Amino acid sequence: MVKKILIVDDEPLICSVLSRAICKFIDSPLEIITTERGEDALKKISEGFCDVCLLDINLPDLNGLDVMKKINEISPDTKIAIMTASCVDDDMKMTIEKGASLFLKKPVNLDKVKLFIKNILDGIAQFPEQALDFD
């Protein structure tokens, strides 16, 4: 069965780098979908299940945290990793903790991404405590 990964980031280079890196370390059949807009991400999720969503907070059309909430409503089994280069305030941290499985500060640590995706694809539901470490 083909696993699906959705990458949502307003920077095409980040989408490209993450796509190539993920393809290098995952040996199972994989479909990677990328988009730069939140509306497109929601459309893709509503059209079919994605195992993983790597989601930037700052998107040109919607707030990534709002997109995260809608993805959780549409597809509650999709595991979400929130990415940002911005500072995260306490309210944002609480929102991320409620809706995401992983927090990634940009530039993202590819080893963290690799472990996160590998655990999901291997059916491991638990992630390390530091998965939502905001430092």
N, C-alpha and C. Protein backbone atom coordinates (compact mmCIF):
# COMPACT_ATOMS: atom_id res chain seq x y z
N MET A 1 0.84 -1.18 0.00
CA MET A 1 0.00 0.00 0.00
C MET A 1 0.89 1.26 0.00
N VAL A 2 0.56 2.20 -0.83
CA VAL A 2 1.33 3.43 -0.97
C VAL A 2 1.01 4.37 0.19
N LYS A 3 2.04 4.84 0.87
CA LYS A 3 1.88 5.81 1.94
C LYS A 3 1.92 7.21 1.34
N LYS A 4 1.13 8.12 1.90
CA LYS A 4 1.08 9.48 1.38
C LYS A 4 1.60 10.48 2.40
N ILE A 5 2.42 11.39 1.90
CA ILE A 5 2.96 12.47 2.72
C ILE A 5 2.64 13.78 2.04
N LEU A 6 2.07 14.70 2.79
CA LEU A 6 1.74 16.03 2.28
C LEU A 6 2.68 17.04 2.92
N ILE A 7 3.35 17.83 2.08
CA ILE A 7 4.25 18.88 2.56
C ILE A 7 3.65 20.21 2.16
N VAL A 8 3.42 21.08 3.16
CA VAL A 8 2.78 22.37 2.92
C VAL A 8 3.72 23.47 3.43
N ASP A 9 4.30 24.21 2.50
CA ASP A 9 5.22 25.28 2.85
C ASP A 9 5.22 26.32 1.74
N ASP A 10 5.24 27.59 2.12
CA ASP A 10 5.20 28.65 1.11
C ASP A 10 6.53 28.83 0.38
N GLU A 11 7.55 28.11 0.81
CA GLU A 11 8.85 28.17 0.15
C GLU A 11 9.05 26.90 -0.68
N PRO A 12 9.00 27.02 -2.02
CA PRO A 12 9.14 25.84 -2.87
C PRO A 12 10.43 25.06 -2.62
N LEU A 13 11.50 25.75 -2.26
CA LEU A 13 12.77 25.07 -2.01
C LEU A 13 12.65 24.12 -0.82
N ILE A 14 11.94 24.54 0.21
CA ILE A 14 11.76 23.66 1.39
C ILE A 14 10.95 22.43 1.00
N CYS A 15 9.89 22.63 0.21
CA CYS A 15 9.10 21.48 -0.27
C CYS A 15 9.98 20.51 -1.05
N SER A 16 10.82 21.05 -1.89
CA SER A 16 11.68 20.23 -2.73
C SER A 16 12.72 19.47 -1.90
N VAL A 17 13.39 20.17 -1.00
CA VAL A 17 14.42 19.53 -0.16
C VAL A 17 13.81 18.44 0.71
N LEU A 18 12.68 18.74 1.34
CA LEU A 18 12.04 17.73 2.19
C LEU A 18 11.60 16.53 1.37
N SER A 19 11.03 16.77 0.19
CA SER A 19 10.59 15.66 -0.67
C SER A 19 11.75 14.75 -1.03
N ARG A 20 12.85 15.34 -1.47
CA ARG A 20 14.01 14.54 -1.87
C ARG A 20 14.60 13.79 -0.68
N ALA A 21 14.69 14.45 0.47
CA ALA A 21 15.25 13.80 1.66
C ALA A 21 14.38 12.62 2.10
N ILE A 22 13.08 12.81 2.09
CA ILE A 22 12.17 11.73 2.51
C ILE A 22 12.27 10.55 1.56
N CYS A 23 12.32 10.81 0.26
CA CYS A 23 12.44 9.74 -0.73
C CYS A 23 13.71 8.92 -0.53
N LYS A 24 14.78 9.57 -0.06
CA LYS A 24 16.06 8.88 0.12
C LYS A 24 16.02 7.88 1.28
N PHE A 25 15.25 8.17 2.33
CA PHE A 25 15.31 7.29 3.50
C PHE A 25 14.09 6.41 3.71
N ILE A 26 13.10 6.51 2.86
CA ILE A 26 11.93 5.63 2.97
C ILE A 26 11.97 4.65 1.80
N ASP A 27 11.99 3.34 2.12
CA ASP A 27 12.08 2.36 1.05
C ASP A 27 10.73 1.80 0.64
N SER A 28 9.66 2.13 1.32
CA SER A 28 8.35 1.61 0.94
C SER A 28 7.73 2.52 -0.13
N PRO A 29 6.72 2.00 -0.84
CA PRO A 29 6.04 2.83 -1.84
C PRO A 29 5.49 4.11 -1.19
N LEU A 30 5.75 5.23 -1.85
CA LEU A 30 5.47 6.52 -1.24
C LEU A 30 4.98 7.51 -2.28
N GLU A 31 3.98 8.29 -1.90
CA GLU A 31 3.53 9.40 -2.73
C GLU A 31 3.71 10.68 -1.91
N ILE A 32 4.48 11.60 -2.45
CA ILE A 32 4.69 12.87 -1.77
C ILE A 32 3.99 13.96 -2.56
N ILE A 33 3.14 14.68 -1.87
CA ILE A 33 2.38 15.78 -2.46
C ILE A 33 2.87 17.06 -1.83
N THR A 34 3.13 18.08 -2.62
CA THR A 34 3.56 19.36 -2.06
C THR A 34 2.62 20.46 -2.53
N THR A 35 2.47 21.45 -1.67
CA THR A 35 1.70 22.63 -2.02
C THR A 35 2.21 23.81 -1.20
N GLU A 36 1.97 24.99 -1.72
CA GLU A 36 2.40 26.21 -1.04
C GLU A 36 1.24 26.93 -0.36
N ARG A 37 0.05 26.39 -0.47
CA ARG A 37 -1.14 27.08 0.03
C ARG A 37 -1.97 26.18 0.95
N GLY A 38 -2.55 26.78 1.97
CA GLY A 38 -3.38 26.05 2.92
C GLY A 38 -4.65 25.49 2.30
N GLU A 39 -5.30 26.27 1.44
CA GLU A 39 -6.54 25.80 0.79
C GLU A 39 -6.27 24.55 -0.04
N ASP A 40 -5.15 24.54 -0.75
CA ASP A 40 -4.79 23.36 -1.55
C ASP A 40 -4.54 22.16 -0.65
N ALA A 41 -3.92 22.39 0.49
CA ALA A 41 -3.66 21.30 1.43
C ALA A 41 -4.98 20.69 1.92
N LEU A 42 -5.91 21.54 2.27
CA LEU A 42 -7.21 21.04 2.74
C LEU A 42 -7.94 20.28 1.64
N LYS A 43 -7.82 20.75 0.42
CA LYS A 43 -8.45 20.05 -0.71
C LYS A 43 -7.82 18.67 -0.88
N LYS A 44 -6.50 18.60 -0.83
CA LYS A 44 -5.80 17.30 -0.98
C LYS A 44 -6.20 16.33 0.13
N ILE A 45 -6.27 16.83 1.35
CA ILE A 45 -6.65 15.97 2.49
C ILE A 45 -8.09 15.48 2.33
N SER A 46 -8.98 16.35 1.87
CA SER A 46 -10.38 15.94 1.72
C SER A 46 -10.58 14.98 0.55
N GLU A 47 -9.65 14.99 -0.41
CA GLU A 47 -9.73 14.07 -1.56
C GLU A 47 -9.21 12.68 -1.22
N GLY A 48 -8.37 12.58 -0.20
CA GLY A 48 -7.84 11.27 0.15
C GLY A 48 -6.92 11.35 1.35
N PHE A 49 -6.85 10.27 2.08
CA PHE A 49 -6.08 10.20 3.33
C PHE A 49 -4.59 10.40 3.07
N CYS A 50 -3.96 11.17 3.94
CA CYS A 50 -2.50 11.29 3.98
C CYS A 50 -2.03 10.79 5.34
N ASP A 51 -0.96 10.02 5.33
CA ASP A 51 -0.43 9.49 6.58
C ASP A 51 0.24 10.58 7.41
N VAL A 52 0.94 11.47 6.72
CA VAL A 52 1.73 12.50 7.38
C VAL A 52 1.53 13.83 6.66
N CYS A 53 1.50 14.91 7.46
CA CYS A 53 1.48 16.26 6.90
C CYS A 53 2.56 17.08 7.60
N LEU A 54 3.51 17.59 6.81
CA LEU A 54 4.51 18.53 7.31
C LEU A 54 3.98 19.91 6.94
N LEU A 55 3.66 20.72 7.94
CA LEU A 55 2.87 21.93 7.73
C LEU A 55 3.54 23.17 8.32
N ASP A 56 3.80 24.13 7.45
CA ASP A 56 4.36 25.41 7.88
C ASP A 56 3.25 26.26 8.50
N ILE A 57 3.59 27.06 9.50
CA ILE A 57 2.60 27.95 10.11
C ILE A 57 2.28 29.12 9.19
N ASN A 58 3.31 29.69 8.56
CA ASN A 58 3.12 30.90 7.75
C ASN A 58 2.89 30.54 6.29
N LEU A 59 1.63 30.61 5.89
CA LEU A 59 1.24 30.33 4.51
C LEU A 59 0.65 31.59 3.90
N PRO A 60 0.67 31.72 2.58
CA PRO A 60 0.20 32.96 1.96
C PRO A 60 -1.31 33.19 2.05
N ASP A 61 -2.09 32.12 2.20
CA ASP A 61 -3.54 32.28 2.18
C ASP A 61 -4.22 32.02 3.52
N LEU A 62 -3.72 31.10 4.30
CA LEU A 62 -4.33 30.75 5.59
C LEU A 62 -3.24 30.60 6.64
N ASN A 63 -3.63 30.73 7.89
CA ASN A 63 -2.72 30.46 9.00
C ASN A 63 -2.56 28.94 9.11
N GLY A 64 -1.33 28.48 9.18
CA GLY A 64 -1.07 27.06 9.26
C GLY A 64 -1.72 26.38 10.46
N LEU A 65 -1.87 27.10 11.56
CA LEU A 65 -2.52 26.50 12.73
C LEU A 65 -4.01 26.28 12.47
N ASP A 66 -4.63 27.16 11.70
CA ASP A 66 -6.03 26.95 11.31
C ASP A 66 -6.14 25.75 10.35
N VAL A 67 -5.17 25.63 9.46
CA VAL A 67 -5.14 24.49 8.55
C VAL A 67 -4.98 23.20 9.36
N MET A 68 -4.11 23.22 10.37
CA MET A 68 -3.91 22.05 11.23
C MET A 68 -5.23 21.63 11.88
N LYS A 69 -5.97 22.60 12.42
CA LYS A 69 -7.25 22.29 13.07
C LYS A 69 -8.22 21.64 12.09
N LYS A 70 -8.28 22.17 10.86
CA LYS A 70 -9.20 21.62 9.86
C LYS A 70 -8.76 20.24 9.41
N ILE A 71 -7.46 20.03 9.28
CA ILE A 71 -6.97 18.69 8.92
C ILE A 71 -7.36 17.70 10.01
N ASN A 72 -7.24 18.10 11.27
CA ASN A 72 -7.62 17.21 12.37
C ASN A 72 -9.11 16.88 12.33
N GLU A 73 -9.94 17.80 11.86
CA GLU A 73 -11.37 17.53 11.72
C GLU A 73 -11.65 16.61 10.54
N ILE A 74 -11.03 16.89 9.40
CA ILE A 74 -11.27 16.13 8.17
C ILE A 74 -10.65 14.74 8.24
N SER A 75 -9.44 14.66 8.79
CA SER A 75 -8.66 13.41 8.78
C SER A 75 -7.91 13.25 10.10
N PRO A 76 -8.62 12.87 11.15
CA PRO A 76 -8.00 12.82 12.48
C PRO A 76 -6.83 11.84 12.62
N ASP A 77 -6.69 10.89 11.70
CA ASP A 77 -5.58 9.94 11.78
C ASP A 77 -4.31 10.44 11.09
N THR A 78 -4.40 11.56 10.39
CA THR A 78 -3.21 12.14 9.77
C THR A 78 -2.32 12.73 10.86
N LYS A 79 -1.07 12.33 10.89
CA LYS A 79 -0.12 12.87 11.87
C LYS A 79 0.50 14.14 11.30
N ILE A 80 0.50 15.19 12.10
CA ILE A 80 0.94 16.51 11.64
C ILE A 80 2.21 16.94 12.37
N ALA A 81 3.15 17.44 11.57
CA ALA A 81 4.35 18.09 12.11
C ALA A 81 4.26 19.56 11.72
N ILE A 82 4.27 20.42 12.71
CA ILE A 82 4.23 21.87 12.47
C ILE A 82 5.66 22.38 12.33
N MET A 83 5.86 23.23 11.30
CA MET A 83 7.18 23.81 11.05
C MET A 83 7.07 25.34 11.07
N THR A 84 8.11 26.00 11.61
CA THR A 84 8.15 27.45 11.55
C THR A 84 9.55 27.97 11.83
N ALA A 85 9.82 29.13 11.27
CA ALA A 85 11.06 29.84 11.58
C ALA A 85 10.74 31.00 12.53
N SER A 86 9.47 31.21 12.79
CA SER A 86 9.02 32.32 13.64
C SER A 86 9.05 31.94 15.12
N CYS A 87 8.99 32.96 15.94
CA CYS A 87 8.84 32.73 17.39
C CYS A 87 7.43 32.22 17.65
N VAL A 88 7.31 31.36 18.64
CA VAL A 88 6.03 30.76 18.98
C VAL A 88 5.65 31.21 20.38
N ASP A 89 4.51 31.91 20.49
CA ASP A 89 4.08 32.38 21.81
C ASP A 89 3.33 31.26 22.55
N ASP A 90 2.97 31.52 23.80
CA ASP A 90 2.34 30.49 24.63
C ASP A 90 1.01 30.00 24.06
N ASP A 91 0.20 30.89 23.50
CA ASP A 91 -1.07 30.48 22.92
C ASP A 91 -0.85 29.55 21.72
N MET A 92 0.14 29.90 20.91
CA MET A 92 0.45 29.06 19.76
C MET A 92 0.96 27.69 20.21
N LYS A 93 1.77 27.66 21.25
CA LYS A 93 2.29 26.40 21.78
C LYS A 93 1.14 25.49 22.22
N MET A 94 0.17 26.06 22.91
CA MET A 94 -0.98 25.28 23.37
C MET A 94 -1.76 24.73 22.18
N THR A 95 -1.95 25.53 21.15
CA THR A 95 -2.67 25.10 19.95
C THR A 95 -1.91 23.97 19.26
N ILE A 96 -0.60 24.12 19.13
CA ILE A 96 0.23 23.09 18.50
C ILE A 96 0.17 21.79 19.30
N GLU A 97 0.27 21.89 20.62
CA GLU A 97 0.22 20.70 21.47
C GLU A 97 -1.09 19.93 21.31
N LYS A 98 -2.18 20.65 21.06
CA LYS A 98 -3.49 20.00 20.90
C LYS A 98 -3.65 19.33 19.54
N GLY A 99 -2.92 19.81 18.52
CA GLY A 99 -3.21 19.31 17.18
C GLY A 99 -2.06 18.69 16.41
N ALA A 100 -0.85 18.76 16.93
CA ALA A 100 0.30 18.24 16.19
C ALA A 100 1.03 17.17 17.00
N SER A 101 1.74 16.33 16.29
CA SER A 101 2.55 15.29 16.93
C SER A 101 4.01 15.69 17.04
N LEU A 102 4.42 16.69 16.24
CA LEU A 102 5.82 17.09 16.21
C LEU A 102 5.91 18.58 15.91
N PHE A 103 6.87 19.24 16.55
CA PHE A 103 7.17 20.64 16.27
C PHE A 103 8.59 20.70 15.71
N LEU A 104 8.74 21.38 14.57
CA LEU A 104 10.05 21.52 13.93
C LEU A 104 10.38 22.98 13.75
N LYS A 105 11.45 23.41 14.38
CA LYS A 105 11.96 24.77 14.19
C LYS A 105 12.80 24.77 12.92
N LYS A 106 12.58 25.76 12.06
CA LYS A 106 13.38 25.87 10.83
C LYS A 106 14.71 26.52 11.14
N PRO A 107 15.77 26.11 10.50
CA PRO A 107 15.81 25.04 9.51
C PRO A 107 15.56 23.69 10.18
N VAL A 108 14.76 22.86 9.53
CA VAL A 108 14.34 21.61 10.16
C VAL A 108 15.49 20.62 10.27
N ASN A 109 15.43 19.83 11.30
CA ASN A 109 16.39 18.76 11.53
C ASN A 109 15.88 17.54 10.76
N LEU A 110 16.57 17.18 9.69
CA LEU A 110 16.11 16.07 8.85
C LEU A 110 16.10 14.74 9.59
N ASP A 111 16.97 14.57 10.59
CA ASP A 111 16.95 13.34 11.38
C ASP A 111 15.64 13.21 12.15
N LYS A 112 15.14 14.34 12.67
CA LYS A 112 13.85 14.33 13.37
C LYS A 112 12.71 13.98 12.41
N VAL A 113 12.77 14.57 11.22
CA VAL A 113 11.74 14.29 10.21
C VAL A 113 11.77 12.80 9.85
N LYS A 114 12.96 12.28 9.63
CA LYS A 114 13.14 10.88 9.27
C LYS A 114 12.55 9.96 10.34
N LEU A 115 12.89 10.19 11.60
CA LEU A 115 12.39 9.35 12.69
C LEU A 115 10.88 9.45 12.82
N PHE A 116 10.36 10.66 12.72
CA PHE A 116 8.91 10.90 12.81
C PHE A 116 8.17 10.10 11.73
N ILE A 117 8.61 10.25 10.49
CA ILE A 117 7.93 9.57 9.38
C ILE A 117 8.11 8.05 9.49
N LYS A 118 9.30 7.61 9.82
CA LYS A 118 9.55 6.17 9.97
C LYS A 118 8.64 5.57 11.04
N ASN A 119 8.52 6.25 12.18
CA ASN A 119 7.64 5.75 13.24
C ASN A 119 6.20 5.65 12.78
N ILE A 120 5.74 6.65 12.07
CA ILE A 120 4.35 6.64 11.59
C ILE A 120 4.14 5.50 10.60
N LEU A 121 5.03 5.38 9.64
CA LEU A 121 4.88 4.35 8.63
C LEU A 121 5.04 2.95 9.20
N ASP A 122 5.79 2.82 10.30
CA ASP A 122 5.95 1.53 10.98
C ASP A 122 4.83 1.27 11.98
N GLY A 123 3.90 2.20 12.10
CA GLY A 123 2.76 2.00 13.00
C GLY A 123 3.04 2.31 14.46
N ILE A 124 4.11 3.03 14.72
CA ILE A 124 4.44 3.40 16.10
C ILE A 124 3.73 4.72 16.42
N ALA A 125 2.79 4.67 17.34
CA ALA A 125 1.97 5.84 17.63
C ALA A 125 2.62 6.80 18.62
N GLN A 126 3.54 6.30 19.42
CA GLN A 126 4.16 7.14 20.44
C GLN A 126 5.41 7.81 19.88
N PHE A 127 5.58 9.08 20.22
CA PHE A 127 6.74 9.82 19.78
C PHE A 127 7.51 10.28 21.01
N PRO A 128 8.79 10.54 20.86
CA PRO A 128 9.57 10.99 22.02
C PRO A 128 8.98 12.25 22.64
N GLU A 129 9.19 12.39 23.95
CA GLU A 129 8.66 13.57 24.65
C GLU A 129 9.13 14.86 24.03
N GLN A 130 10.35 14.89 23.50
CA GLN A 130 10.88 16.11 22.93
C GLN A 130 10.25 16.42 21.57
N ALA A 131 9.31 15.61 21.10
CA ALA A 131 8.67 15.86 19.81
C ALA A 131 8.00 17.23 19.79
N LEU A 132 7.50 17.67 20.92
CA LEU A 132 6.87 18.99 21.00
C LEU A 132 7.71 19.94 21.82
N ASP A 133 9.02 19.80 21.72
CA ASP A 133 9.96 20.70 22.38
C ASP A 133 10.07 21.98 21.55
N PHE A 134 9.76 23.11 22.15
CA PHE A 134 9.72 24.38 21.42
C PHE A 134 11.04 25.14 21.49
N ASP A 135 12.04 24.59 22.11
CA ASP A 135 13.33 25.28 22.20
C ASP A 135 14.18 25.03 20.99
